[in-house]
Amino acid sequence: MRADMRVLWLHPDPAAPRGVREALHCQRCQPRQVADTECARCAEGGPLLADQFATDTATGRVPAAVAAWLARQGWHTADGPLICPNHHQGQSYRDTKPYRT
């Protein structure tokens, strides 16, 4: 279960339209609607997307709020596939500390 708690989830933030809420979930409490983000160059797993973000990603593109969050973490999100910070700027989004829900 500890490994589950290291996975970062992004949810739509009901308190902020077009916002993103970060969360950690155990396997038992994780959302049912899920989509993954990963680097096109190395398959580095990005955060998991939950709820409406997962549904909206079914079109093949991440929602604008998620793209903005990824860009703030150093991901390349414009013009094509997602590229992780390890390839884009030499840093990792995993250095951030999300709050727990």
N, C-alpha and C. Protein backbone atom coordinates (compact mmCIF):
# COMPACT_ATOMS: atom_id res chain seq x y z
N MET A 1 0.82 -1.19 0.00
CA MET A 1 0.00 0.00 0.00
C MET A 1 0.86 1.26 0.00
N ARG A 2 2.06 1.20 0.57
CA ARG A 2 2.93 2.38 0.60
C ARG A 2 3.30 2.83 -0.81
N ALA A 3 3.50 1.88 -1.72
CA ALA A 3 3.83 2.24 -3.10
C ALA A 3 2.67 2.99 -3.74
N ASP A 4 1.45 2.61 -3.41
CA ASP A 4 0.28 3.31 -3.95
C ASP A 4 0.29 4.78 -3.55
N MET A 5 0.76 5.06 -2.34
CA MET A 5 0.73 6.42 -1.82
C MET A 5 1.80 7.31 -2.43
N ARG A 6 2.66 6.77 -3.26
CA ARG A 6 3.67 7.58 -3.93
C ARG A 6 3.21 8.04 -5.32
N VAL A 7 2.04 7.61 -5.72
CA VAL A 7 1.51 7.96 -7.03
C VAL A 7 0.72 9.26 -6.91
N LEU A 8 1.07 10.24 -7.71
CA LEU A 8 0.39 11.52 -7.69
C LEU A 8 -0.82 11.48 -8.62
N TRP A 9 -1.94 11.93 -8.12
CA TRP A 9 -3.18 12.01 -8.88
C TRP A 9 -3.55 13.48 -9.06
N LEU A 10 -4.07 13.80 -10.23
CA LEU A 10 -4.60 15.14 -10.49
C LEU A 10 -6.11 15.05 -10.67
N HIS A 11 -6.83 15.88 -9.91
CA HIS A 11 -8.29 15.95 -9.97
C HIS A 11 -8.68 17.36 -10.39
N PRO A 12 -9.84 17.52 -11.02
CA PRO A 12 -10.37 18.88 -11.19
C PRO A 12 -10.61 19.47 -9.80
N ASP A 13 -10.32 20.73 -9.64
CA ASP A 13 -10.51 21.38 -8.35
C ASP A 13 -11.87 22.06 -8.31
N PRO A 14 -12.80 21.54 -7.52
CA PRO A 14 -14.14 22.14 -7.49
C PRO A 14 -14.15 23.55 -6.92
N ALA A 15 -13.11 23.92 -6.17
CA ALA A 15 -13.05 25.25 -5.58
C ALA A 15 -12.47 26.29 -6.55
N ALA A 16 -11.85 25.82 -7.62
CA ALA A 16 -11.23 26.74 -8.58
C ALA A 16 -11.53 26.26 -9.99
N PRO A 17 -12.45 26.93 -10.67
CA PRO A 17 -12.74 26.52 -12.04
C PRO A 17 -11.45 26.48 -12.87
N ARG A 18 -11.32 25.46 -13.65
CA ARG A 18 -10.13 25.23 -14.48
C ARG A 18 -8.88 25.00 -13.63
N GLY A 19 -9.07 24.64 -12.37
CA GLY A 19 -7.95 24.39 -11.48
C GLY A 19 -7.65 22.90 -11.37
N VAL A 20 -6.54 22.61 -10.72
CA VAL A 20 -6.08 21.24 -10.52
C VAL A 20 -5.84 21.02 -9.04
N ARG A 21 -6.31 19.91 -8.54
CA ARG A 21 -6.07 19.52 -7.14
C ARG A 21 -5.19 18.28 -7.15
N GLU A 22 -4.09 18.30 -6.42
CA GLU A 22 -3.19 17.16 -6.31
C GLU A 22 -3.64 16.29 -5.14
N ALA A 23 -3.50 14.97 -5.30
CA ALA A 23 -3.89 14.05 -4.23
C ALA A 23 -3.07 12.78 -4.31
N LEU A 24 -3.05 12.07 -3.20
CA LEU A 24 -2.45 10.73 -3.12
C LEU A 24 -3.57 9.80 -2.63
N HIS A 25 -3.64 8.61 -3.21
CA HIS A 25 -4.69 7.65 -2.83
C HIS A 25 -4.09 6.28 -2.62
N CYS A 26 -4.62 5.54 -1.66
CA CYS A 26 -4.27 4.12 -1.56
C CYS A 26 -5.09 3.39 -2.63
N GLN A 27 -4.75 2.15 -2.86
CA GLN A 27 -5.43 1.38 -3.91
C GLN A 27 -6.93 1.28 -3.63
N ARG A 28 -7.30 1.14 -2.39
CA ARG A 28 -8.71 1.00 -2.03
C ARG A 28 -9.50 2.28 -2.29
N CYS A 29 -8.86 3.44 -2.13
CA CYS A 29 -9.57 4.72 -2.25
C CYS A 29 -9.39 5.41 -3.60
N GLN A 30 -8.63 4.82 -4.50
CA GLN A 30 -8.36 5.50 -5.77
C GLN A 30 -9.62 5.63 -6.62
N PRO A 31 -9.69 6.67 -7.42
CA PRO A 31 -10.86 6.89 -8.28
C PRO A 31 -11.03 5.79 -9.31
N ARG A 32 -12.23 5.65 -9.81
CA ARG A 32 -12.54 4.63 -10.82
C ARG A 32 -12.19 5.11 -12.23
N GLN A 33 -12.39 6.38 -12.51
CA GLN A 33 -12.04 6.93 -13.82
C GLN A 33 -10.59 7.37 -13.78
N VAL A 34 -9.75 6.72 -14.60
CA VAL A 34 -8.31 6.96 -14.54
C VAL A 34 -7.73 7.07 -15.94
N ALA A 35 -6.80 7.99 -16.11
CA ALA A 35 -5.99 8.08 -17.34
C ALA A 35 -4.56 8.34 -16.90
N ASP A 36 -3.62 7.88 -17.69
CA ASP A 36 -2.21 8.01 -17.37
C ASP A 36 -1.57 9.07 -18.25
N THR A 37 -0.54 9.71 -17.73
CA THR A 37 0.30 10.58 -18.55
C THR A 37 1.68 9.96 -18.56
N GLU A 38 2.34 9.99 -19.70
CA GLU A 38 3.71 9.48 -19.76
C GLU A 38 4.50 10.20 -20.82
N CYS A 39 5.81 10.18 -20.64
CA CYS A 39 6.73 10.82 -21.57
C CYS A 39 6.80 10.03 -22.87
N ALA A 40 6.78 10.73 -23.98
CA ALA A 40 6.85 10.08 -25.29
C ALA A 40 8.25 9.54 -25.59
N ARG A 41 9.25 10.02 -24.86
CA ARG A 41 10.63 9.59 -25.12
C ARG A 41 11.09 8.44 -24.23
N CYS A 42 10.57 8.36 -23.01
CA CYS A 42 11.10 7.34 -22.10
C CYS A 42 10.02 6.56 -21.35
N ALA A 43 8.79 6.85 -21.59
CA ALA A 43 7.67 6.22 -20.88
C ALA A 43 7.70 6.51 -19.38
N GLU A 44 8.38 7.60 -18.98
CA GLU A 44 8.35 8.06 -17.59
C GLU A 44 6.90 8.33 -17.23
N GLY A 45 6.43 7.68 -16.19
CA GLY A 45 5.04 7.87 -15.79
C GLY A 45 4.83 9.21 -15.13
N GLY A 46 3.90 9.94 -15.63
CA GLY A 46 3.52 11.20 -15.01
C GLY A 46 2.40 10.95 -14.03
N PRO A 47 1.75 11.99 -13.59
CA PRO A 47 0.65 11.82 -12.65
C PRO A 47 -0.52 11.11 -13.32
N LEU A 48 -1.32 10.44 -12.51
CA LEU A 48 -2.55 9.84 -13.01
C LEU A 48 -3.63 10.90 -12.99
N LEU A 49 -4.51 10.84 -13.95
CA LEU A 49 -5.60 11.80 -14.06
C LEU A 49 -6.89 11.14 -13.61
N ALA A 50 -7.67 11.85 -12.82
CA ALA A 50 -8.89 11.30 -12.25
C ALA A 50 -10.11 12.07 -12.69
N ASP A 51 -11.24 11.41 -12.53
CA ASP A 51 -12.54 12.02 -12.72
C ASP A 51 -12.69 12.61 -14.13
N GLN A 52 -13.12 13.85 -14.21
CA GLN A 52 -13.37 14.47 -15.52
C GLN A 52 -12.09 14.61 -16.33
N PHE A 53 -10.95 14.78 -15.68
CA PHE A 53 -9.68 14.84 -16.41
C PHE A 53 -9.44 13.54 -17.17
N ALA A 54 -9.75 12.40 -16.55
CA ALA A 54 -9.58 11.11 -17.21
C ALA A 54 -10.52 10.99 -18.40
N THR A 55 -11.74 11.41 -18.23
CA THR A 55 -12.73 11.36 -19.31
C THR A 55 -12.31 12.26 -20.46
N ASP A 56 -11.88 13.46 -20.15
CA ASP A 56 -11.48 14.42 -21.19
C ASP A 56 -10.23 13.99 -21.94
N THR A 57 -9.37 13.18 -21.32
CA THR A 57 -8.14 12.72 -21.95
C THR A 57 -8.42 11.65 -23.00
N ALA A 58 -9.60 11.08 -23.00
CA ALA A 58 -9.95 10.05 -23.98
C ALA A 58 -9.85 10.57 -25.41
N THR A 59 -9.83 11.87 -25.59
CA THR A 59 -9.70 12.45 -26.93
C THR A 59 -8.27 12.38 -27.45
N GLY A 60 -7.33 11.96 -26.59
CA GLY A 60 -5.93 11.87 -26.99
C GLY A 60 -5.09 13.06 -26.56
N ARG A 61 -5.69 14.05 -25.96
CA ARG A 61 -4.97 15.24 -25.47
C ARG A 61 -5.34 15.44 -24.01
N VAL A 62 -4.39 15.92 -23.23
CA VAL A 62 -4.71 16.22 -21.84
C VAL A 62 -5.50 17.52 -21.77
N PRO A 63 -6.39 17.65 -20.80
CA PRO A 63 -7.15 18.89 -20.64
C PRO A 63 -6.23 20.09 -20.41
N ALA A 64 -6.69 21.27 -20.75
CA ALA A 64 -5.87 22.49 -20.65
C ALA A 64 -5.34 22.71 -19.24
N ALA A 65 -6.16 22.46 -18.22
CA ALA A 65 -5.69 22.66 -16.84
C ALA A 65 -4.56 21.70 -16.50
N VAL A 66 -4.64 20.47 -16.99
CA VAL A 66 -3.58 19.49 -16.76
C VAL A 66 -2.33 19.89 -17.53
N ALA A 67 -2.48 20.33 -18.77
CA ALA A 67 -1.33 20.77 -19.57
C ALA A 67 -0.62 21.92 -18.88
N ALA A 68 -1.38 22.85 -18.30
CA ALA A 68 -0.77 23.98 -17.59
C ALA A 68 -0.04 23.50 -16.34
N TRP A 69 -0.62 22.55 -15.61
CA TRP A 69 0.04 22.00 -14.43
C TRP A 69 1.34 21.30 -14.83
N LEU A 70 1.28 20.46 -15.87
CA LEU A 70 2.47 19.75 -16.34
C LEU A 70 3.56 20.73 -16.76
N ALA A 71 3.17 21.79 -17.47
CA ALA A 71 4.15 22.79 -17.92
C ALA A 71 4.83 23.46 -16.73
N ARG A 72 4.06 23.74 -15.66
CA ARG A 72 4.66 24.34 -14.45
C ARG A 72 5.64 23.39 -13.79
N GLN A 73 5.48 22.09 -14.02
CA GLN A 73 6.39 21.09 -13.44
C GLN A 73 7.56 20.79 -14.37
N GLY A 74 7.62 21.47 -15.52
CA GLY A 74 8.75 21.31 -16.42
C GLY A 74 8.50 20.41 -17.62
N TRP A 75 7.29 19.89 -17.75
CA TRP A 75 6.96 19.06 -18.91
C TRP A 75 6.79 19.93 -20.15
N HIS A 76 7.17 19.40 -21.30
CA HIS A 76 6.90 20.06 -22.58
C HIS A 76 5.53 19.57 -23.03
N THR A 77 4.61 20.49 -23.20
CA THR A 77 3.23 20.11 -23.50
C THR A 77 2.71 20.66 -24.82
N ALA A 78 3.47 21.53 -25.46
CA ALA A 78 3.00 22.17 -26.70
C ALA A 78 3.45 21.37 -27.92
N ASP A 79 2.74 21.51 -28.99
CA ASP A 79 3.12 20.93 -30.29
C ASP A 79 3.42 19.43 -30.23
N GLY A 80 2.46 18.65 -29.86
CA GLY A 80 2.67 17.21 -29.95
C GLY A 80 2.69 16.48 -28.63
N PRO A 81 3.48 15.40 -28.57
CA PRO A 81 3.43 14.53 -27.40
C PRO A 81 4.05 15.16 -26.16
N LEU A 82 3.67 14.61 -25.01
CA LEU A 82 4.23 15.07 -23.74
C LEU A 82 5.67 14.61 -23.60
N ILE A 83 6.53 15.49 -23.10
CA ILE A 83 7.93 15.15 -22.85
C ILE A 83 8.25 15.52 -21.41
N CYS A 84 8.75 14.55 -20.65
CA CYS A 84 8.98 14.75 -19.22
C CYS A 84 10.12 15.73 -18.96
N PRO A 85 10.19 16.25 -17.74
CA PRO A 85 11.26 17.19 -17.39
C PRO A 85 12.65 16.60 -17.52
N ASN A 86 12.79 15.28 -17.36
CA ASN A 86 14.10 14.66 -17.48
C ASN A 86 14.67 14.85 -18.89
N HIS A 87 13.80 14.96 -19.87
CA HIS A 87 14.25 15.19 -21.24
C HIS A 87 14.10 16.65 -21.66
N HIS A 88 13.19 17.35 -21.01
CA HIS A 88 12.91 18.72 -21.42
C HIS A 88 13.81 19.72 -20.69
N GLN A 89 13.96 19.57 -19.37
CA GLN A 89 14.73 20.56 -18.61
C GLN A 89 15.64 19.94 -17.56
N GLY A 90 15.73 18.62 -17.52
CA GLY A 90 16.61 17.98 -16.56
C GLY A 90 16.13 18.01 -15.12
N GLN A 91 14.82 18.10 -14.90
CA GLN A 91 14.28 18.06 -13.55
C GLN A 91 13.10 17.11 -13.54
N SER A 92 12.52 16.87 -12.39
CA SER A 92 11.41 15.94 -12.29
C SER A 92 10.26 16.55 -11.51
N TYR A 93 9.05 16.27 -11.95
CA TYR A 93 7.88 16.75 -11.22
C TYR A 93 7.80 16.06 -9.86
N ARG A 94 8.48 14.93 -9.71
CA ARG A 94 8.41 14.17 -8.46
C ARG A 94 9.06 14.92 -7.30
N ASP A 95 9.73 16.03 -7.58
CA ASP A 95 10.32 16.82 -6.51
C ASP A 95 9.27 17.66 -5.78
N THR A 96 8.05 17.72 -6.33
CA THR A 96 6.99 18.50 -5.68
C THR A 96 6.37 17.67 -4.57
N LYS A 97 5.75 18.33 -3.61
CA LYS A 97 5.12 17.63 -2.48
C LYS A 97 3.62 17.93 -2.50
N PRO A 98 2.80 16.99 -2.98
CA PRO A 98 1.37 17.21 -2.97
C PRO A 98 0.78 17.05 -1.57
N TYR A 99 -0.38 17.62 -1.37
CA TYR A 99 -1.04 17.38 -0.09
C TYR A 99 -1.84 16.10 -0.21
N ARG A 100 -2.18 15.53 0.90
CA ARG A 100 -2.93 14.26 0.91
C ARG A 100 -4.41 14.54 1.10
N THR A 101 -5.22 13.67 0.51
CA THR A 101 -6.66 13.81 0.71
C THR A 101 -7.17 12.69 1.57
